[in-house]
């Protein structure tokens, strides 16, 4: 939009920006600023609560790279994704988790929408409300993905409306997830995680020397078991000094929401999502213990990721265990998420469907 009216008040939106060579969009109001890397998966790179100057999202040590100017040194299907992983929030679709093969299509880690450039268009641009739409067709599987982000004046709620469509002439399986990674300085030992309840399922097998959780343990929220048999309260975010690296999955949640509150900073982030689309909440726990490739002990972050399927083993595994999505030719599935920034130090008892936060 070469002749878009510019404002410095109320709601604002523009897709005329560039960051490190990537087309970038900025969406903001008086409370939130959202930065989207259009040319790299339409990833949400920044999610800033402006009154407190807190960016909730994690920044990977890899940083933002322009894939057009970077040549991977191998074709490793994990490494190709990791080479371009900047942190933040990715759309994971149509395969989630580790590499797999689907009907002769090779699918790498978290393939493939978040490695593609997307199209975008501003839908609404007024001081009272702004909305911008992104869309992409995946390359190796025949899907069309649409995502619209919206803000209302004075609101601390980011609205995310999405739809996937199977454009094949046959039934297709897929995995759909929201890869949301939170990081310091927002994330710290001062944070607590609130959920509406459910079951904690730790990753089925031990996969790292710094796993602190007992593999395949299934317990009611909020307690799980450690590898030493101890009880671990999953509401508490541990410090980096714990040197842990784990993966858990929350299932059977009565509602789809979570909230992370930093009690020292007095600010938090809540996410509301539909459990009919995302019945699982993946919990990636990188608390200083991710030694070796790719993080080399440098990272402190937590991924809280609504997902359609279980576990982090790729599309093939999800098909085998019956949790993969199945879409008939021409079928579409929609989802609507609300992401809310809030202030205060009290625990959260609920993130409502409109994104409002109730306190305990």
Protein backbone atom coordinates (compact mmCIF):
# COMPACT_ATOMS: atom_id res chain seq x y z
CA UNK A 1 0.00 0.00 0.00
CA UNK A 2 2.18 2.81 -1.32
CA UNK A 3 -0.25 5.55 -0.31
CA UNK A 4 -1.46 4.20 3.02
CA UNK A 5 -2.41 6.94 5.48
CA UNK A 6 0.15 7.05 8.31
CA UNK A 7 -0.75 7.59 11.98
CA UNK A 8 1.09 7.87 15.28
CA UNK A 9 -1.93 7.20 17.49
CA UNK A 10 -4.64 4.59 18.02
CA UNK A 11 -4.38 1.37 16.05
CA UNK A 12 -1.72 1.16 13.33
CA UNK A 13 -0.74 -1.43 10.73
CA UNK A 14 1.75 -1.52 7.89
CA UNK A 15 3.38 -4.17 5.71
CA UNK A 16 5.89 -1.72 4.21
CA UNK A 17 8.75 -2.62 6.55
CA UNK A 18 11.88 -4.73 6.07
CA UNK A 19 14.02 -6.43 8.73
CA UNK A 20 17.32 -8.05 7.75
CA UNK A 21 16.11 -8.30 4.19
CA UNK A 22 12.74 -9.86 5.02
CA UNK A 23 9.40 -8.23 4.27
CA UNK A 24 7.97 -7.38 7.68
CA UNK A 25 4.60 -6.20 8.99
CA UNK A 26 3.95 -4.20 12.16
CA UNK A 27 0.62 -4.19 13.99
CA UNK A 28 0.09 -2.09 17.10
CA UNK A 29 -2.19 -0.09 19.36
CA UNK A 30 -1.68 1.74 22.65
CA UNK A 31 -0.98 -1.55 24.49
CA UNK A 32 0.60 -4.06 22.12
CA UNK A 33 3.15 -4.09 19.32
CA UNK A 34 3.31 -7.16 17.08
CA UNK A 35 6.07 -7.66 14.49
CA UNK A 36 5.56 -10.33 11.81
CA UNK A 37 8.27 -11.68 9.49
CA UNK A 38 6.15 -12.06 6.34
CA UNK A 39 8.95 -13.55 4.25
CA UNK A 40 9.81 -16.12 6.91
CA UNK A 41 6.68 -18.12 7.68
CA UNK A 42 4.67 -15.07 8.81
CA UNK A 43 6.38 -15.75 12.15
CA UNK A 44 5.46 -13.46 15.02
CA UNK A 45 8.90 -12.20 16.01
CA UNK A 46 7.93 -9.62 18.64
CA UNK A 47 4.95 -9.45 20.98
CA UNK A 48 5.53 -6.42 23.17
CA UNK A 49 3.44 -5.10 26.07
CA UNK A 50 4.17 -1.42 25.54
CA UNK A 51 3.29 -0.03 29.02
CA UNK A 52 5.93 -2.28 30.65
CA UNK A 53 8.27 -2.63 27.62
CA UNK A 54 8.13 -6.42 27.98
CA UNK A 55 8.57 -8.64 24.93
CA UNK A 56 7.16 -12.03 25.91
CA UNK A 57 8.80 -14.00 23.10
CA UNK A 58 12.14 -15.77 23.14
CA UNK A 59 15.01 -14.83 20.81
CA UNK A 60 17.08 -17.76 19.58
CA UNK A 61 20.88 -17.35 19.50
CA UNK A 62 20.64 -18.04 15.76
CA UNK A 63 18.81 -14.77 15.20
CA UNK A 64 16.86 -13.73 12.12
CA UNK A 65 18.40 -14.87 8.85
CA UNK A 66 17.29 -14.23 5.29
CA UNK A 67 17.05 -17.73 3.74
CA UNK A 68 17.85 -16.23 0.33
CA UNK A 69 21.30 -15.23 1.59
CA UNK A 70 22.10 -18.35 3.59
CA UNK A 71 23.10 -21.76 2.25
CA UNK A 72 22.78 -24.69 4.69
CA UNK A 73 25.97 -26.70 4.91
CA UNK A 74 24.04 -30.01 4.82
CA UNK A 75 20.59 -31.21 3.83
CA UNK A 76 19.86 -32.53 7.34
CA UNK A 77 16.07 -32.13 7.84
CA UNK A 78 16.52 -30.96 11.42
CA UNK A 79 19.43 -28.65 10.71
CA UNK A 80 17.74 -26.85 7.82
CA UNK A 81 14.94 -25.74 10.15
CA UNK A 82 17.25 -24.93 13.04
CA UNK A 83 19.53 -22.82 10.84
CA UNK A 84 16.65 -20.37 10.37
CA UNK A 85 14.97 -20.65 13.78
CA UNK A 86 14.85 -17.17 15.29
CA UNK A 87 12.57 -17.97 18.23
CA UNK A 88 9.22 -16.28 18.65
CA UNK A 89 5.99 -17.85 17.36
CA UNK A 90 5.80 -20.13 14.32
CA UNK A 91 2.83 -21.69 12.58
CA UNK A 92 3.69 -25.41 12.50
CA UNK A 93 1.90 -27.04 9.58
CA UNK A 94 1.25 -29.45 7.88
CA UNK A 95 3.67 -31.60 9.90
CA UNK A 96 4.79 -31.07 13.48
CA UNK A 97 7.75 -32.48 15.32
CA UNK A 98 10.67 -34.43 13.93
CA UNK A 99 11.16 -35.42 10.27
CA UNK A 100 8.97 -38.04 8.62
CA UNK A 101 7.90 -39.27 5.20
CA UNK A 102 4.29 -39.02 4.06
CA UNK A 103 3.28 -40.76 0.82
CA UNK A 104 6.80 -40.22 -0.56
CA UNK A 105 6.92 -36.57 0.53
CA UNK A 106 9.96 -35.92 2.74
CA UNK A 107 9.00 -33.59 5.58
CA UNK A 108 11.61 -31.95 7.79
CA UNK A 109 11.35 -30.72 11.35
CA UNK A 110 8.11 -28.74 11.88
CA UNK A 111 7.57 -28.65 8.10
CA UNK A 112 6.81 -26.61 6.14
CA UNK A 113 4.76 -23.41 6.37
CA UNK A 114 7.17 -21.56 8.64
CA UNK A 115 10.03 -21.73 6.16
CA UNK A 116 8.04 -20.25 3.26
CA UNK A 117 7.44 -16.61 2.29
CA UNK A 118 3.77 -15.66 2.71
CA UNK A 119 1.56 -13.13 0.95
CA UNK A 120 -0.19 -10.44 2.96
CA UNK A 121 -2.72 -7.62 2.67
CA UNK A 122 -4.07 -4.99 5.04
CA UNK A 123 -7.81 -5.61 5.47
CA UNK A 124 -8.74 -2.76 7.80
CA UNK A 125 -6.84 0.33 8.89
CA UNK A 126 -8.62 2.76 11.20
CA UNK A 127 -7.67 4.28 14.56
CA UNK A 128 -10.33 2.05 16.13
CA UNK A 129 -9.39 -1.29 14.54
CA UNK A 130 -6.72 -2.81 12.32
CA UNK A 131 -6.51 -6.18 10.62
CA UNK A 132 -3.94 -7.81 8.35
CA UNK A 133 -4.21 -11.11 6.51
CA UNK A 134 -1.43 -13.57 5.57
CA UNK A 135 -1.72 -16.62 3.32
CA UNK A 136 0.45 -19.36 1.82
CA UNK A 137 0.28 -22.61 -0.16
CA UNK A 138 2.61 -25.28 1.17
CA UNK A 139 5.04 -26.79 -1.32
CA UNK A 140 5.29 -30.50 -0.59
CA UNK A 141 1.73 -31.01 0.58
CA UNK A 142 -1.37 -29.50 -1.07
CA UNK A 143 -2.69 -27.16 1.62
CA UNK A 144 -3.78 -23.52 1.68
CA UNK A 145 -3.32 -21.59 4.94
CA UNK A 146 -4.86 -18.25 5.89
CA UNK A 147 -4.09 -16.22 9.03
CA UNK A 148 -5.55 -12.86 10.07
CA UNK A 149 -4.25 -10.76 12.98
CA UNK A 150 -6.40 -7.99 14.45
CA UNK A 151 -6.19 -5.35 17.18
CA UNK A 152 -8.83 -3.04 18.65
CA UNK A 153 -8.02 0.37 20.12
CA UNK A 154 -7.05 0.23 23.79
CA UNK A 155 -7.30 -3.57 23.91
CA UNK A 156 -4.59 -5.86 25.26
CA UNK A 157 -5.94 -8.78 23.20
CA UNK A 158 -4.43 -9.91 19.90
CA UNK A 159 -6.99 -11.82 17.81
CA UNK A 160 -5.68 -14.58 15.55
CA UNK A 161 -8.13 -16.15 13.08
CA UNK A 162 -6.88 -18.99 10.90
CA UNK A 163 -8.06 -21.57 8.39
CA UNK A 164 -6.50 -24.53 6.61
CA UNK A 165 -7.88 -26.08 3.42
CA UNK A 166 -7.03 -29.37 1.76
CA UNK A 167 -6.65 -28.60 -1.96
CA UNK A 168 -5.81 -32.20 -2.88
CA UNK A 169 -8.13 -34.59 -4.68
CA UNK A 170 -7.70 -37.10 -1.87
CA UNK A 171 -7.87 -37.28 1.91
CA UNK A 172 -4.81 -35.79 3.58
CA UNK A 173 -3.37 -36.13 7.08
CA UNK A 174 -1.70 -33.21 8.81
CA UNK A 175 -0.47 -31.83 12.12
CA UNK A 176 -1.22 -28.24 13.12
CA UNK A 177 0.44 -26.39 15.99
CA UNK A 178 1.22 -22.94 17.34
CA UNK A 179 4.91 -22.95 18.28
CA UNK A 180 4.94 -20.16 20.90
CA UNK A 181 8.28 -19.80 22.72
CA UNK A 182 8.58 -17.50 25.74
CA UNK A 183 11.92 -16.16 26.93
CA UNK A 184 13.87 -13.94 29.30
CA UNK A 185 13.71 -11.39 30.72
CA UNK A 186 9.97 -12.04 30.92
CA UNK A 187 10.54 -15.74 31.61
CA UNK A 188 12.26 -16.32 34.93
CA UNK A 189 11.98 -18.24 38.19
CA UNK A 190 9.47 -15.56 39.23
CA UNK A 191 6.95 -16.97 36.72
CA UNK A 192 4.05 -19.29 37.43
CA UNK A 193 2.08 -21.31 34.88
CA UNK A 194 -1.69 -21.60 35.29
CA UNK A 195 -3.87 -24.11 33.44
CA UNK A 196 -7.51 -25.19 33.86
CA UNK A 197 -6.42 -28.73 34.77
CA UNK A 198 -5.87 -31.89 32.78
CA UNK A 199 -3.31 -34.67 32.50
CA UNK A 200 0.46 -34.27 32.27
CA UNK A 201 2.14 -36.76 29.93
CA UNK A 202 5.92 -36.62 29.83
CA UNK A 203 7.72 -37.48 26.60
CA UNK A 204 7.43 -41.26 26.02
CA UNK A 205 11.19 -41.94 26.17
CA UNK A 206 14.26 -40.35 27.72
CA UNK A 207 15.89 -38.28 24.97
CA UNK A 208 18.55 -36.12 26.64
CA UNK A 209 21.09 -36.48 29.44
CA UNK A 210 19.53 -33.45 31.15
CA UNK A 211 15.98 -34.80 31.29
CA UNK A 212 14.72 -34.12 34.83
CA UNK A 213 11.25 -35.64 34.27
CA UNK A 214 10.42 -39.35 34.34
CA UNK A 215 9.74 -40.57 30.81
CA UNK A 216 6.12 -41.48 29.98
CA UNK A 217 4.83 -40.52 33.44
CA UNK A 218 1.10 -39.68 33.35
CA UNK A 219 -0.21 -37.65 36.28
CA UNK A 220 -2.98 -35.15 37.03
CA UNK A 221 -2.09 -31.46 36.77
CA UNK A 222 -0.08 -29.86 38.38
CA UNK A 223 2.31 -32.52 39.74
CA UNK A 224 4.60 -34.82 37.78
CA UNK A 225 7.49 -37.14 38.68
CA UNK A 226 11.19 -36.53 38.32
CA UNK A 227 13.74 -39.09 37.13
CA UNK A 228 14.76 -39.47 40.78
CA UNK A 229 11.18 -40.21 41.84
CA UNK A 230 10.59 -36.77 43.35
CA UNK A 231 7.37 -34.78 42.95
CA UNK A 232 7.71 -31.76 40.65
CA UNK A 233 5.19 -28.92 40.58
CA UNK A 234 4.73 -27.89 36.95
CA UNK A 235 3.19 -24.57 37.96
CA UNK A 236 6.66 -23.32 38.91
CA UNK A 237 9.08 -22.14 36.21
CA UNK A 238 12.58 -23.17 37.34
CA UNK A 239 15.71 -21.06 37.09
CA UNK A 240 18.34 -21.64 34.40
CA UNK A 241 20.58 -23.16 37.07
CA UNK A 242 18.40 -26.29 37.10
CA UNK A 243 20.04 -27.23 33.76
CA UNK A 244 17.01 -29.22 32.59
CA UNK A 245 15.77 -30.09 29.10
CA UNK A 246 12.39 -31.80 28.79
CA UNK A 247 9.22 -32.22 26.78
CA UNK A 248 5.75 -32.74 28.24
CA UNK A 249 2.22 -32.70 26.86
CA UNK A 250 -0.98 -31.58 28.58
CA UNK A 251 -4.17 -33.37 27.54
CA UNK A 252 -7.78 -33.73 28.71
CA UNK A 253 -7.91 -30.03 29.57
CA UNK A 254 -11.49 -28.88 30.32
CA UNK A 255 -10.83 -25.63 28.45
CA UNK A 256 -8.13 -24.44 26.08
CA UNK A 257 -6.14 -21.75 27.82
CA UNK A 258 -2.93 -21.07 29.71
CA UNK A 259 -1.36 -18.10 31.45
CA UNK A 260 2.21 -17.32 32.49
CA UNK A 261 2.60 -14.60 35.13
CA UNK A 262 5.87 -12.98 36.17
CA UNK A 263 5.11 -12.05 39.77
CA UNK A 264 8.15 -9.81 40.18
CA UNK A 265 7.49 -7.79 37.01
CA UNK A 266 3.73 -7.84 37.54
CA UNK A 267 2.93 -8.75 33.93
CA UNK A 268 1.73 -11.89 32.17
CA UNK A 269 0.66 -13.50 28.93
CA UNK A 270 -2.47 -15.58 28.41
CA UNK A 271 -3.49 -17.66 25.39
CA UNK A 272 -7.01 -18.93 24.68
CA UNK A 273 -7.44 -21.58 21.97
CA UNK A 274 -10.03 -24.14 20.76
CA UNK A 275 -9.49 -27.65 22.07
CA UNK A 276 -11.43 -29.19 19.19
CA UNK A 277 -8.56 -28.10 16.91
CA UNK A 278 -5.73 -28.26 19.46
CA UNK A 279 -6.52 -30.97 22.07
CA UNK A 280 -2.88 -31.05 23.23
CA UNK A 281 -0.66 -28.39 24.76
CA UNK A 282 3.01 -29.15 24.19
CA UNK A 283 5.41 -27.92 26.88
CA UNK A 284 9.01 -27.56 25.68
CA UNK A 285 11.22 -26.94 28.72
CA UNK A 286 14.65 -25.57 27.83
CA UNK A 287 15.85 -24.43 31.22
CA UNK A 288 19.58 -24.12 30.59
CA UNK A 289 19.95 -27.84 29.94
CA UNK A 290 19.89 -28.01 26.14
CA UNK A 291 23.53 -29.01 25.79
CA UNK A 292 24.98 -30.16 22.48
CA UNK A 293 23.49 -29.31 19.10
CA UNK A 294 21.62 -27.06 18.41
CA UNK A 295 21.60 -24.89 21.54
CA UNK A 296 24.95 -25.74 23.20
CA UNK A 297 23.76 -24.95 26.73
CA UNK A 298 23.00 -21.29 25.89
CA UNK A 299 19.23 -21.20 26.05
CA UNK A 300 16.58 -20.51 28.67
CA UNK A 301 13.07 -20.59 27.28
CA UNK A 302 9.73 -22.38 27.44
CA UNK A 303 7.48 -23.38 24.56
CA UNK A 304 3.75 -23.57 25.35
CA UNK A 305 2.28 -24.79 22.10
CA UNK A 306 -1.34 -25.71 21.31
CA UNK A 307 -1.23 -28.70 18.93
CA UNK A 308 -3.61 -30.94 17.09
CA UNK A 309 -1.59 -34.06 17.71
CA UNK A 310 0.80 -35.93 20.01
CA UNK A 311 3.79 -36.33 20.35
CA UNK A 312 6.84 -34.46 19.01
CA UNK A 313 7.73 -37.34 16.67
CA UNK A 314 6.41 -36.12 13.33
CA UNK A 315 3.40 -36.68 11.11
CA UNK A 316 4.03 -40.41 10.67
CA UNK A 317 3.94 -41.00 14.41
CA UNK A 318 0.74 -38.96 14.79
CA UNK A 319 -0.92 -41.07 12.09
CA UNK A 320 0.14 -44.26 13.83
CA UNK A 321 -1.24 -43.19 17.21
CA UNK A 322 -4.47 -41.82 15.73
CA UNK A 323 -3.99 -38.14 16.66
CA UNK A 324 -3.24 -36.73 13.18
CA UNK A 325 -5.89 -34.52 11.59
CA UNK A 326 -7.72 -35.91 8.54
CA UNK A 327 -9.12 -33.54 5.91
CA UNK A 328 -11.22 -34.68 2.96
CA UNK A 329 -10.77 -33.04 -0.47
CA UNK A 330 -11.78 -29.38 -0.24
CA UNK A 331 -12.37 -29.54 3.51
CA UNK A 332 -11.40 -26.56 5.68
CA UNK A 333 -10.78 -26.26 9.41
CA UNK A 334 -10.83 -22.94 11.26
CA UNK A 335 -9.37 -21.81 14.56
CA UNK A 336 -9.61 -18.59 16.57
CA UNK A 337 -7.05 -17.71 19.24
CA UNK A 338 -6.94 -14.82 21.68
CA UNK A 339 -3.56 -13.72 23.06
CA UNK A 340 -3.75 -11.31 25.99
CA UNK A 341 -1.18 -9.29 27.92
CA UNK A 342 -2.20 -8.41 31.48
CA UNK A 343 -0.76 -6.79 34.57
CA UNK A 344 -0.75 -7.92 38.19
CA UNK A 345 0.93 -10.66 40.19
CA UNK A 346 -2.03 -12.86 41.13
CA UNK A 347 -2.56 -16.31 39.67
CA UNK A 348 -4.97 -16.63 36.78
CA UNK A 349 -8.13 -18.70 37.23
CA UNK A 350 -9.32 -18.42 33.62
CA UNK A 351 -8.66 -16.87 30.25
CA UNK A 352 -12.17 -16.39 28.84
CA UNK A 353 -13.18 -16.92 25.19
CA UNK A 354 -13.02 -13.14 24.59
CA UNK A 355 -9.45 -13.03 25.96
CA UNK A 356 -10.33 -11.42 29.28
CA UNK A 357 -8.44 -12.67 32.34
CA UNK A 358 -9.98 -13.76 35.64
CA UNK A 359 -7.72 -13.75 38.69
CA UNK A 360 -7.64 -16.28 41.52
